[in-house]
């Protein structure tokens, strides 16, 4: 017998998980400024705190039955903004090559088009799937490691090896998840037009 886990969705705005997500959003411009100013230690601290709050907001929302519509928007928005700000900062500092940044931005542009198509057909944005979470997880490990690689010595060399490994896996999974979203949107739209 399979036990189904029930999730109560709330419309409350001021929940602990939502406050954590909002704090993550506030940290984005600070994080970008720290990267651009080459305060790498502080930037890594802000990124680490963001990672902890990302873990906590989802965990607490589920445990305390505080899953909310706002939280479903804030969490992926904060993830994307951290990724975009990191991409910009690391590309500006020439730590990331432009081609990698463009590959990741092209995937984001593709998803924006898919969200627009879904809205036109009356559907909400697709739920984040496991593959998308895994991609974000890999990229969130890659970027701090690549930031650490911008130096000299054995630690920087080791950070570069692992950073590029996570970046490669993350980019591949990011595109794979994006293609699955396109397939999902195509099925929904096809089912919609067939029903008419």
Protein backbone atom coordinates (compact mmCIF):
# COMPACT_ATOMS: atom_id res chain seq x y z
CA UNK A 1 0.00 0.00 0.00
CA UNK A 2 1.40 3.37 -1.03
CA UNK A 3 1.20 6.22 1.44
CA UNK A 4 0.36 9.52 -0.18
CA UNK A 5 1.90 12.60 1.39
CA UNK A 6 -0.53 15.48 1.60
CA UNK A 7 0.62 19.03 1.06
CA UNK A 8 -1.49 21.95 2.14
CA UNK A 9 -0.93 25.01 0.00
CA UNK A 10 -1.38 28.36 1.67
CA UNK A 11 -1.87 31.84 0.26
CA UNK A 12 -0.10 33.42 3.23
CA UNK A 13 2.79 35.66 2.28
CA UNK A 14 4.62 36.04 5.58
CA UNK A 15 5.74 32.50 6.25
CA UNK A 16 9.23 31.55 7.42
CA UNK A 17 10.02 29.79 4.08
CA UNK A 18 8.90 32.86 2.10
CA UNK A 19 10.94 35.19 4.32
CA UNK A 20 14.00 32.99 3.69
CA UNK A 21 13.36 33.15 -0.07
CA UNK A 22 12.96 36.93 0.09
CA UNK A 23 16.24 37.21 2.01
CA UNK A 24 17.89 35.17 -0.76
CA UNK A 25 16.56 37.61 -3.34
CA UNK A 26 17.89 40.58 -1.37
CA UNK A 27 21.30 38.90 -1.33
CA UNK A 28 21.55 38.77 -5.14
CA UNK A 29 22.70 42.38 -5.76
CA UNK A 30 25.06 42.20 -2.78
CA UNK A 31 26.53 38.98 -4.14
CA UNK A 32 27.02 40.48 -7.62
CA UNK A 33 28.65 43.62 -6.21
CA UNK A 34 31.05 41.48 -4.13
CA UNK A 35 32.06 39.44 -7.19
CA UNK A 36 32.62 42.52 -9.33
CA UNK A 37 34.69 44.13 -6.57
CA UNK A 38 36.75 40.91 -6.24
CA UNK A 39 35.75 40.36 -2.62
CA UNK A 40 35.65 36.64 -3.34
CA UNK A 41 35.62 35.45 0.28
CA UNK A 42 32.55 37.54 1.12
CA UNK A 43 30.88 36.59 -2.17
CA UNK A 44 31.38 32.91 -1.34
CA UNK A 45 29.93 33.47 2.14
CA UNK A 46 26.79 35.11 0.68
CA UNK A 47 26.48 32.27 -1.83
CA UNK A 48 26.88 29.66 0.93
CA UNK A 49 24.20 31.36 3.04
CA UNK A 50 21.97 31.43 -0.03
CA UNK A 51 22.47 27.69 -0.46
CA UNK A 52 21.59 27.02 3.18
CA UNK A 53 18.45 29.17 2.97
CA UNK A 54 17.49 27.47 -0.33
CA UNK A 55 17.63 24.10 1.42
CA UNK A 56 15.80 25.37 4.51
CA UNK A 57 12.95 27.17 2.76
CA UNK A 58 11.87 24.03 0.90
CA UNK A 59 12.38 21.75 3.89
CA UNK A 60 10.47 24.03 6.29
CA UNK A 61 7.67 24.68 3.79
CA UNK A 62 7.05 20.95 3.50
CA UNK A 63 7.49 20.16 7.20
CA UNK A 64 5.25 23.02 8.43
CA UNK A 65 2.72 22.75 5.56
CA UNK A 66 3.57 26.28 4.46
CA UNK A 67 3.88 25.61 0.74
CA UNK A 68 2.55 28.73 -0.94
CA UNK A 69 1.93 30.10 -4.40
CA UNK A 70 4.38 32.91 -3.65
CA UNK A 71 7.00 30.41 -2.47
CA UNK A 72 6.64 28.42 -5.69
CA UNK A 73 7.57 31.61 -7.56
CA UNK A 74 10.22 32.99 -5.20
CA UNK A 75 12.35 29.85 -4.89
CA UNK A 76 13.06 29.26 -8.60
CA UNK A 77 13.31 33.05 -9.17
CA UNK A 78 16.04 33.32 -6.52
CA UNK A 79 17.87 30.31 -8.02
CA UNK A 80 17.77 31.83 -11.50
CA UNK A 81 18.85 35.28 -10.30
CA UNK A 82 21.84 33.82 -8.45
CA UNK A 83 22.79 31.86 -11.55
CA UNK A 84 22.39 34.92 -13.80
CA UNK A 85 24.32 37.24 -11.47
CA UNK A 86 27.09 34.67 -11.09
CA UNK A 87 27.23 34.18 -14.85
CA UNK A 88 27.50 37.92 -15.38
CA UNK A 89 30.13 38.42 -12.67
CA UNK A 90 32.31 35.46 -13.66
CA UNK A 91 32.07 36.31 -17.36
CA UNK A 92 32.93 39.96 -16.63
CA UNK A 93 36.01 38.78 -14.73
CA UNK A 94 36.85 36.37 -17.57
CA UNK A 95 36.66 33.32 -15.29
CA UNK A 96 33.85 31.84 -17.41
CA UNK A 97 34.12 31.80 -21.21
CA UNK A 98 31.46 33.72 -23.09
CA UNK A 99 30.29 30.58 -24.95
CA UNK A 100 29.28 28.87 -21.70
CA UNK A 101 27.41 31.94 -20.51
CA UNK A 102 25.59 32.19 -23.84
CA UNK A 103 24.69 28.46 -23.73
CA UNK A 104 23.10 28.87 -20.29
CA UNK A 105 21.34 32.12 -21.26
CA UNK A 106 19.98 30.51 -24.45
CA UNK A 107 18.37 27.82 -22.33
CA UNK A 108 16.76 30.48 -20.11
CA UNK A 109 15.45 32.30 -23.20
CA UNK A 110 13.99 29.02 -24.49
CA UNK A 111 12.15 28.49 -21.18
CA UNK A 112 10.77 32.05 -21.26
CA UNK A 113 9.27 31.29 -24.67
CA UNK A 114 7.76 28.06 -23.29
CA UNK A 115 6.24 29.92 -20.31
CA UNK A 116 4.72 32.42 -22.75
CA UNK A 117 3.18 29.60 -24.80
CA UNK A 118 1.78 27.98 -21.65
CA UNK A 119 0.23 31.27 -20.51
CA UNK A 120 -1.38 31.75 -23.90
CA UNK A 121 -3.05 28.36 -23.45
CA UNK A 122 -4.07 29.09 -19.85
CA UNK A 123 -1.48 26.93 -18.09
CA UNK A 124 0.79 27.96 -15.21
CA UNK A 125 4.58 27.70 -15.56
CA UNK A 126 5.79 24.10 -15.33
CA UNK A 127 6.84 22.72 -11.95
CA UNK A 128 10.57 22.41 -11.37
CA UNK A 129 11.47 18.77 -11.98
CA UNK A 130 14.21 16.66 -10.39
CA UNK A 131 16.49 17.08 -13.39
CA UNK A 132 16.19 20.87 -13.26
CA UNK A 133 16.97 20.82 -9.53
CA UNK A 134 19.99 18.57 -10.16
CA UNK A 135 21.23 20.96 -12.87
CA UNK A 136 20.88 23.96 -10.55
CA UNK A 137 22.61 21.99 -7.78
CA UNK A 138 25.58 21.26 -10.07
CA UNK A 139 25.85 24.86 -11.25
CA UNK A 140 25.61 26.16 -7.69
CA UNK A 141 28.63 23.99 -6.86
CA UNK A 142 30.46 24.89 -10.09
CA UNK A 143 30.35 28.66 -9.70
CA UNK A 144 31.93 28.98 -6.23
CA UNK A 145 34.61 26.47 -7.23
CA UNK A 146 35.35 28.41 -10.41
CA UNK A 147 35.51 31.59 -8.35
CA UNK A 148 38.04 29.86 -6.06
CA UNK A 149 40.02 28.78 -9.13
CA UNK A 150 40.80 32.44 -9.89
CA UNK A 151 44.05 32.34 -7.97
CA UNK A 152 47.31 30.44 -7.60
CA UNK A 153 48.35 27.30 -5.83
CA UNK A 154 47.10 23.76 -5.39
CA UNK A 155 43.72 24.82 -3.97
CA UNK A 156 42.95 26.94 -7.04
CA UNK A 157 44.02 24.10 -9.34
CA UNK A 158 41.85 21.59 -7.49
CA UNK A 159 38.91 24.03 -7.50
CA UNK A 160 39.31 24.45 -11.26
CA UNK A 161 39.15 20.69 -11.90
CA UNK A 162 36.03 20.17 -9.80
CA UNK A 163 34.48 23.48 -10.86
CA UNK A 164 34.71 22.62 -14.55
CA UNK A 165 33.39 19.11 -13.90
CA UNK A 166 30.32 20.49 -12.12
CA UNK A 167 29.91 23.17 -14.81
CA UNK A 168 29.91 20.53 -17.55
CA UNK A 169 27.43 18.29 -15.75
CA UNK A 170 25.27 21.25 -14.75
CA UNK A 171 25.11 22.69 -18.26
CA UNK A 172 24.26 19.29 -19.76
CA UNK A 173 21.54 18.64 -17.18
CA UNK A 174 20.27 22.23 -17.53
CA UNK A 175 19.72 21.71 -21.25
CA UNK A 176 18.31 18.23 -20.77
CA UNK A 177 15.75 19.57 -18.26
CA UNK A 178 14.97 22.43 -20.68
CA UNK A 179 14.32 20.00 -23.53
CA UNK A 180 12.01 17.97 -21.27
CA UNK A 181 10.08 21.19 -20.51
CA UNK A 182 9.73 21.81 -24.26
CA UNK A 183 8.40 18.26 -24.75
CA UNK A 184 5.98 18.76 -21.84
CA UNK A 185 4.72 22.08 -23.28
CA UNK A 186 4.34 20.52 -26.72
CA UNK A 187 2.21 17.70 -25.31
CA UNK A 188 -0.01 20.11 -23.38
CA UNK A 189 -0.51 22.38 -26.38
CA UNK A 190 -1.17 19.41 -28.67
CA UNK A 191 -3.73 18.00 -26.21
CA UNK A 192 -5.31 21.45 -25.99
CA UNK A 193 -5.67 21.81 -29.77
CA UNK A 194 -6.93 18.21 -30.12
CA UNK A 195 -9.61 18.88 -27.48
CA UNK A 196 -10.83 21.89 -29.48
